[in-house]
Amino acid sequence: MDIIDLGVGDPDLPTPPDIIEAMVRAVRDPANHRYPSYSGMEDFKGAIAEWYDERFSVRLDAQSEVMALIGAKEGIAHISLAFIDPGDLALIPTPAYPVYNIGVLFAGGRPYFVPLFEENGFLIDLASIPDEVATKAKMIWLNYPNNPTAAVADRGFFESVVNFAHRYNVMVCHDLTYSEISFDGYRPMSLLEIEGAKDVSIEFHSLSKSFNMTGWRIGFAIGNREAITGLSLIKSNVDSGLFQAIQVAGMRALRSARESIAEIRRIYARRRDIMVKGLRDAGLRVVPPKATFYLWVPVPHPYNCVELATRLLTEAGLVVAPGNGFGSPGEGYIRLALTQDEDRLLEATERIKTIRL
């Protein structure tokens, strides 16, 4: 069977050519063949700080508030080892990217899951967290724009999170990986734009989605200097830094290849519109996302998410992600990634129509 994979959030588009050329030149430089700095090259960290200032109007000290990561995922996994002791409590949204929870478990911590519901815009309901739980919590995880739900958050929500963190002395860990994949004039914001956020927060970012560099493994953490220091102490004992040639390519992306982001957005916007129309024509309810390249689609009666995913695979040759793989509140949804070209997405919607859900 010809399989169309809509399951994995891995861009099918190539890395922009100028980034590749920067990498090629850097690979040929013997100075980049030695151990890199644990925290990242000064020029790369400077490029990150410049980009944050231009994109979010957030001022960062490149020396103490920025560090390079071997992809955002490893920083997300390692931060718990720095700040969670065995038995400590962490507030984890669900459904969510599984690594938030896994990192806490690796550190011996205890996750307290906070369900995300459609009627609340898939935002964390801070008021639902019992006072005795919030008082004991060491950290809380956020991810907006969100994977898997594609939900977005506004300034008022982020302000409430910062106030919550100050009140309960909780570290906020925000995954901002999808900030540059947005549509219809919407521009996601950084948590660090909120006054007082840097006192309590660390933010994780990546070049994976913005520049189609998932396989390159290049990301960064920014924010509270104590949080950055704690993460760097863990990383200096488990890895030896990010290959300098990749950091040179990352500098090129942040400083000179930004125009490619606009074209990437246009491509995903067209794909989103194709899929939304096709799924609606097939009788499914779909809310067009403002950001990310995911569709979070309610499962029609009488299926559960695994039953629907199984039928789509066996009868239509489509791979989708069952929502419960992101946590039990994800039951009742499937996630589709817009990581196929327009012809394949049109083909996918036609196949869905033929099986008469």
Protein backbone atom coordinates (compact mmCIF):
# COMPACT_ATOMS: atom_id res chain seq x y z
CA MET A 1 0.00 0.00 0.00
CA ASP A 2 1.12 3.54 -0.76
CA ILE A 3 1.41 5.16 2.68
CA ILE A 4 1.02 8.90 3.29
CA ASP A 5 2.65 9.73 6.62
CA LEU A 6 0.92 12.56 8.48
CA GLY A 7 2.09 11.32 11.85
CA VAL A 8 5.50 12.83 12.53
CA GLY A 9 6.25 16.54 12.94
CA ASP A 10 9.30 16.41 10.69
CA PRO A 11 9.34 19.02 7.90
CA ASP A 12 9.63 17.58 4.40
CA LEU A 13 11.01 20.88 3.05
CA PRO A 14 14.79 21.24 2.60
CA THR A 15 17.03 23.48 4.66
CA PRO A 16 17.51 26.84 2.86
CA PRO A 17 20.57 26.75 0.53
CA ASP A 18 22.45 29.65 2.14
CA ILE A 19 22.41 27.84 5.50
CA ILE A 20 23.80 24.72 3.83
CA GLU A 21 26.56 26.73 2.16
CA ALA A 22 27.52 28.31 5.48
CA MET A 23 27.75 24.82 6.96
CA VAL A 24 29.90 23.54 4.08
CA ARG A 25 32.41 26.36 4.54
CA ALA A 26 32.48 25.85 8.30
CA VAL A 27 33.05 22.10 8.01
CA ARG A 28 36.18 22.77 5.94
CA ASP A 29 37.66 24.99 8.67
CA PRO A 30 39.94 22.90 10.93
CA ALA A 31 39.26 25.31 13.80
CA ASN A 32 35.78 23.80 14.01
CA HIS A 33 37.02 20.23 14.34
CA ARG A 34 37.95 20.48 18.02
CA TYR A 35 35.77 20.32 21.13
CA PRO A 36 33.35 23.24 21.18
CA SER A 37 32.42 25.36 24.18
CA TYR A 38 29.88 23.70 26.45
CA SER A 39 27.58 26.71 26.40
CA GLY A 40 28.05 27.64 22.75
CA MET A 41 30.21 29.91 20.61
CA GLU A 42 30.13 33.56 21.63
CA ASP A 43 29.13 34.59 18.10
CA PHE A 44 26.26 32.10 18.05
CA LYS A 45 24.96 33.21 21.43
CA GLY A 46 25.28 36.79 20.27
CA ALA A 47 23.20 36.00 17.18
CA ILE A 48 20.53 34.44 19.40
CA ALA A 49 20.43 37.53 21.62
CA GLU A 50 20.19 39.80 18.57
CA TRP A 51 17.38 37.72 17.10
CA TYR A 52 15.39 37.73 20.37
CA ASP A 53 15.78 41.49 20.61
CA GLU A 54 14.60 42.01 17.04
CA ARG A 55 11.84 39.40 17.05
CA PHE A 56 10.42 39.75 20.58
CA SER A 57 11.98 42.99 21.93
CA VAL A 58 13.55 40.88 24.68
CA ARG A 59 17.03 41.93 25.82
CA LEU A 60 19.34 39.08 26.78
CA ASP A 61 22.86 38.95 28.14
CA ALA A 62 24.52 36.55 25.70
CA GLN A 63 27.10 35.50 28.29
CA SER A 64 24.78 34.47 31.12
CA GLU A 65 21.25 34.19 29.72
CA VAL A 66 21.81 32.19 26.53
CA MET A 67 23.16 28.71 25.86
CA ALA A 68 23.35 26.43 22.83
CA LEU A 69 21.57 23.07 22.82
CA ILE A 70 21.91 19.94 20.72
CA GLY A 71 18.32 20.49 19.67
CA ALA A 72 15.71 21.88 22.06
CA LYS A 73 14.69 18.34 23.02
CA GLU A 74 17.86 17.60 24.96
CA GLY A 75 17.58 20.82 26.95
CA ILE A 76 13.94 20.07 27.71
CA ALA A 77 14.92 16.61 28.96
CA HIS A 78 17.95 17.78 30.97
CA ILE A 79 16.50 20.79 32.80
CA SER A 80 14.72 18.50 35.27
CA LEU A 81 18.03 16.86 36.21
CA ALA A 82 19.24 20.29 37.30
CA PHE A 83 16.25 21.34 39.40
CA ILE A 84 14.11 18.31 40.28
CA ASP A 85 15.19 16.12 43.20
CA PRO A 86 13.63 12.70 43.85
CA GLY A 87 10.05 13.18 44.99
CA ASP A 88 9.78 16.81 43.82
CA LEU A 89 6.57 17.84 42.08
CA ALA A 90 6.34 19.25 38.55
CA LEU A 91 3.20 20.59 36.86
CA ILE A 92 2.82 18.98 33.42
CA PRO A 93 0.10 19.82 30.87
CA THR A 94 -1.64 16.94 29.15
CA PRO A 95 -1.95 16.25 26.26
CA ALA A 96 1.60 17.43 25.59
CA TYR A 97 4.98 16.68 24.09
CA PRO A 98 5.97 13.57 26.08
CA VAL A 99 9.51 14.73 26.96
CA TYR A 100 8.26 17.21 29.59
CA ASN A 101 7.01 14.29 31.66
CA ILE A 102 9.86 11.94 30.76
CA GLY A 103 12.49 14.45 31.90
CA VAL A 104 10.77 14.77 35.29
CA LEU A 105 10.61 10.99 35.64
CA PHE A 106 14.30 10.63 34.75
CA ALA A 107 15.10 12.99 37.63
CA GLY A 108 12.97 10.98 40.07
CA GLY A 109 10.30 13.68 40.23
CA ARG A 110 6.53 13.30 40.42
CA PRO A 111 4.39 14.75 37.62
CA TYR A 112 1.12 16.44 38.50
CA PHE A 113 -0.86 16.44 35.28
CA VAL A 114 -3.00 19.46 34.40
CA PRO A 115 -5.54 18.55 31.68
CA LEU A 116 -5.98 20.85 28.68
CA PHE A 117 -9.56 21.15 27.44
CA GLU A 118 -10.95 22.47 24.19
CA GLU A 119 -13.53 24.64 25.97
CA ASN A 120 -10.63 26.50 27.62
CA GLY A 121 -8.72 26.93 24.36
CA PHE A 122 -6.32 24.16 25.47
CA LEU A 123 -4.75 26.62 27.93
CA ILE A 124 -3.57 25.47 31.35
CA ASP A 125 -6.24 26.30 33.93
CA LEU A 126 -4.06 27.58 36.74
CA ALA A 127 -7.06 27.99 39.03
CA SER A 128 -7.68 24.24 38.85
CA ILE A 129 -4.34 23.49 40.52
CA PRO A 130 -4.92 22.96 44.26
CA ASP A 131 -3.06 25.39 46.49
CA GLU A 132 -1.29 22.57 48.35
CA VAL A 133 -0.01 21.21 45.01
CA ALA A 134 1.14 24.60 43.69
CA THR A 135 2.96 25.28 46.97
CA LYS A 136 5.01 22.08 46.60
CA ALA A 137 5.68 22.35 42.85
CA LYS A 138 9.20 23.11 41.60
CA MET A 139 8.39 23.76 37.94
CA ILE A 140 5.55 24.15 35.46
CA TRP A 141 5.72 23.39 31.74
CA LEU A 142 4.14 25.45 28.96
CA ASN A 143 4.16 25.13 25.18
CA TYR A 144 2.44 27.82 23.08
CA PRO A 145 2.02 27.58 20.13
CA ASN A 146 1.16 24.08 21.27
CA ASN A 147 2.02 20.59 20.16
CA PRO A 148 -0.22 18.62 19.68
CA THR A 149 -3.31 20.90 19.91
CA ALA A 150 -1.98 23.88 17.87
CA ALA A 151 -3.44 26.17 20.56
CA VAL A 152 -2.01 29.66 21.06
CA ALA A 153 -1.80 31.90 24.12
CA ASP A 154 -2.19 35.66 24.52
CA ARG A 155 -0.43 38.18 26.74
CA GLY A 156 -3.05 37.94 29.47
CA PHE A 157 -2.47 34.21 29.83
CA PHE A 158 1.31 34.62 30.02
CA GLU A 159 0.90 37.37 32.62
CA SER A 160 -1.19 35.02 34.74
CA VAL A 161 1.51 32.36 34.49
CA VAL A 162 4.24 34.77 35.61
CA ASN A 163 2.09 35.91 38.53
CA PHE A 164 1.47 32.26 39.46
CA ALA A 165 5.20 31.51 39.32
CA HIS A 166 6.08 34.46 41.56
CA ARG A 167 3.33 33.60 44.03
CA TYR A 168 4.38 29.96 44.43
CA ASN A 169 8.12 30.23 43.67
CA VAL A 170 7.81 27.91 40.67
CA MET A 171 10.18 27.76 37.70
CA VAL A 172 8.39 28.19 34.36
CA CYS A 173 9.77 26.14 31.47
CA HIS A 174 8.34 27.34 28.16
CA ASP A 175 8.80 25.46 24.89
CA LEU A 176 8.61 28.07 22.10
CA THR A 177 9.70 25.78 19.28
CA TYR A 178 6.83 26.73 16.95
CA SER A 179 6.95 30.52 17.27
CA GLU A 180 7.80 31.13 13.60
CA ILE A 181 5.21 28.83 12.02
CA SER A 182 2.14 31.06 12.19
CA PHE A 183 -0.59 32.26 9.85
CA ASP A 184 -3.01 35.04 8.93
CA GLY A 185 -0.88 37.79 10.44
CA TYR A 186 -0.73 36.15 13.88
CA ARG A 187 2.69 36.49 15.57
CA PRO A 188 3.31 34.32 18.65
CA MET A 189 4.99 36.03 21.58
CA SER A 190 7.74 35.00 23.96
CA LEU A 191 6.95 34.44 27.62
CA LEU A 192 10.00 36.60 28.34
CA GLU A 193 8.17 39.63 26.98
CA ILE A 194 6.17 39.70 30.22
CA GLU A 195 7.53 41.90 33.00
CA GLY A 196 9.12 39.76 35.70
CA ALA A 197 9.19 36.63 33.53
CA LYS A 198 12.96 36.43 33.38
CA ASP A 199 13.06 36.16 37.18
CA VAL A 200 11.21 32.83 37.07
CA SER A 201 11.46 31.44 33.53
CA ILE A 202 13.60 29.59 31.03
CA GLU A 203 12.53 29.32 27.40
CA PHE A 204 13.53 26.69 24.86
CA HIS A 205 13.78 27.34 21.16
CA SER A 206 14.94 25.51 18.07
CA LEU A 207 15.88 26.09 14.45
CA SER A 208 14.28 22.74 13.54
CA LYS A 209 10.85 23.96 12.47
CA SER A 210 11.68 27.55 11.49
CA PHE A 211 14.42 26.59 9.02
CA ASN A 212 13.69 22.89 8.30
CA MET A 213 16.73 21.79 10.31
CA THR A 214 15.33 18.92 12.40
CA GLY A 215 18.21 16.57 11.57
CA TRP A 216 20.84 19.20 12.32
CA ARG A 217 20.02 19.17 16.06
CA ILE A 218 20.46 22.84 16.90
CA GLY A 219 18.51 24.74 19.52
CA PHE A 220 19.02 27.06 22.46
CA ALA A 221 17.79 27.97 25.93
CA ILE A 222 17.35 31.53 27.12
CA GLY A 223 16.15 33.27 30.24
CA ASN A 224 16.90 33.23 33.95
CA ARG A 225 20.65 33.05 34.48
CA GLU A 226 20.41 30.64 37.44
CA ALA A 227 18.32 28.30 35.32
CA ILE A 228 20.84 28.57 32.47
CA THR A 229 23.71 27.88 34.88
CA GLY A 230 21.96 24.83 36.32
CA LEU A 231 21.29 23.41 32.87
CA SER A 232 24.89 24.05 31.82
CA LEU A 233 26.19 22.10 34.83
CA ILE A 234 24.17 19.08 33.73
CA LYS A 235 25.17 19.38 30.09
CA SER A 236 28.87 19.75 30.83
CA ASN A 237 28.71 16.27 32.36
CA VAL A 238 26.63 14.53 29.70
CA ASP A 239 27.77 16.06 26.39
CA SER A 240 30.63 18.07 24.96
CA GLY A 241 28.74 20.87 23.26
CA LEU A 242 27.31 21.53 19.81
CA PHE A 243 29.55 21.05 16.75
CA GLN A 244 30.82 24.52 15.86
CA ALA A 245 30.12 24.18 12.14
CA ILE A 246 26.44 23.69 12.93
CA GLN A 247 26.54 26.80 15.14
CA VAL A 248 28.00 28.77 12.22
CA ALA A 249 25.08 27.58 10.09
CA GLY A 250 22.72 28.59 12.90
CA MET A 251 24.23 32.09 12.91
CA ARG A 252 23.56 32.31 9.20
CA ALA A 253 19.94 31.28 9.76
CA LEU A 254 19.33 33.81 12.52
CA ARG A 255 21.11 36.72 10.87
CA SER A 256 20.70 36.30 7.13
CA ALA A 257 18.13 33.64 6.18
CA ARG A 258 15.05 35.10 7.83
CA GLU A 259 13.32 35.79 4.54
CA SER A 260 13.04 32.03 4.06
CA ILE A 261 10.70 31.87 7.08
CA ALA A 262 8.08 33.91 5.22
CA GLU A 263 8.05 31.44 2.33
CA ILE A 264 7.88 28.48 4.73
CA ARG A 265 4.85 30.09 6.39
CA ARG A 266 3.15 30.56 3.02
CA ILE A 267 3.70 26.90 2.15
CA TYR A 268 2.23 25.65 5.42
CA ALA A 269 -0.69 28.08 5.16
CA ARG A 270 -1.62 26.66 1.75
CA ARG A 271 -1.30 23.12 3.10
CA ARG A 272 -3.43 23.99 6.13
CA ASP A 273 -6.18 25.37 3.92
CA ILE A 274 -6.15 22.30 1.67
CA MET A 275 -6.43 19.92 4.61
CA VAL A 276 -9.06 21.93 6.48
CA LYS A 277 -11.31 22.09 3.41
CA GLY A 278 -10.77 18.42 2.58
CA LEU A 279 -11.42 17.20 6.12
CA ARG A 280 -14.55 19.33 6.41
CA ASP A 281 -15.77 17.97 3.09
CA ALA A 282 -15.23 14.49 4.58
CA GLY A 283 -17.51 15.40 7.49
CA LEU A 284 -14.87 16.07 10.14
CA ARG A 285 -14.86 19.11 12.43
CA VAL A 286 -11.64 21.10 12.10
CA VAL A 287 -10.58 24.43 13.58
CA PRO A 288 -7.93 26.10 11.34
CA PRO A 289 -4.84 26.64 13.52
CA LYS A 290 -3.19 30.03 13.90
CA ALA A 291 0.23 28.42 14.32
CA THR A 292 2.24 25.16 14.11
CA PHE A 293 1.91 22.70 11.25
CA TYR A 294 -0.55 20.43 13.06
CA LEU A 295 -4.29 19.84 12.87
CA TRP A 296 -5.91 18.58 16.08
CA VAL A 297 -9.04 16.89 14.84
CA PRO A 298 -11.94 15.62 16.99
CA VAL A 299 -12.75 11.95 16.41
CA PRO A 300 -16.33 11.36 15.18
CA HIS A 301 -18.72 8.96 16.89
CA PRO A 302 -18.47 5.97 17.39
CA TYR A 303 -14.67 5.75 17.18
CA ASN A 304 -11.97 6.25 19.76
CA CYS A 305 -8.71 7.76 18.55
CA VAL A 306 -6.86 4.45 18.08
CA GLU A 307 -9.78 2.91 16.20
CA LEU A 308 -9.94 5.85 13.83
CA ALA A 309 -6.16 5.92 13.33
CA THR A 310 -6.22 2.18 12.63
CA ARG A 311 -8.99 2.51 10.06
CA LEU A 312 -7.25 5.41 8.34
CA LEU A 313 -4.09 3.31 8.09
CA THR A 314 -5.60 0.02 6.98
CA GLU A 315 -8.27 1.37 4.61
CA ALA A 316 -6.79 4.67 3.41
CA GLY A 317 -3.04 4.22 3.83
CA LEU A 318 -2.73 7.27 6.08
CA VAL A 319 -0.58 7.50 9.19
CA VAL A 320 -1.94 9.88 11.85
CA ALA A 321 -1.08 10.22 15.54
CA PRO A 322 -3.74 9.04 18.02
CA GLY A 323 -4.35 11.79 20.56
CA ASN A 324 -3.97 9.56 23.60
CA GLY A 325 -0.30 9.12 22.75
CA PHE A 326 0.16 12.65 24.13
CA GLY A 327 -1.74 11.89 27.36
CA SER A 328 -5.13 10.49 28.30
CA PRO A 329 -7.03 13.80 27.73
CA GLY A 330 -5.94 13.47 24.10
CA GLU A 331 -8.46 10.66 23.70
CA GLY A 332 -11.09 11.78 21.24
CA TYR A 333 -8.61 13.50 18.89
CA ILE A 334 -6.09 12.67 16.20
CA ARG A 335 -3.15 14.84 15.16
CA LEU A 336 -2.26 15.34 11.51
CA ALA A 337 1.05 16.92 10.49
CA LEU A 338 1.19 19.12 7.38
CA THR A 339 4.55 17.64 6.39
CA GLN A 340 3.61 16.40 2.90
CA ASP A 341 3.36 18.39 -0.31
CA GLU A 342 0.04 19.75 -1.57
CA ASP A 343 -0.62 16.92 -4.02
CA ARG A 344 -0.15 14.30 -1.30
CA LEU A 345 -2.41 16.22 1.08
CA LEU A 346 -5.11 16.44 -1.58
CA GLU A 347 -4.72 12.71 -2.12
CA ALA A 348 -4.99 12.13 1.64
CA THR A 349 -8.28 14.03 1.88
CA GLU A 350 -9.72 12.15 -1.10
CA ARG A 351 -8.84 8.85 0.55
CA ILE A 352 -10.56 9.92 3.78
CA LYS A 353 -13.73 10.75 1.83
CA THR A 354 -13.85 7.27 0.30
CA ILE A 355 -14.00 5.41 3.62
CA ARG A 356 -17.13 7.31 4.77
CA LEU A 357 -16.42 8.01 8.42
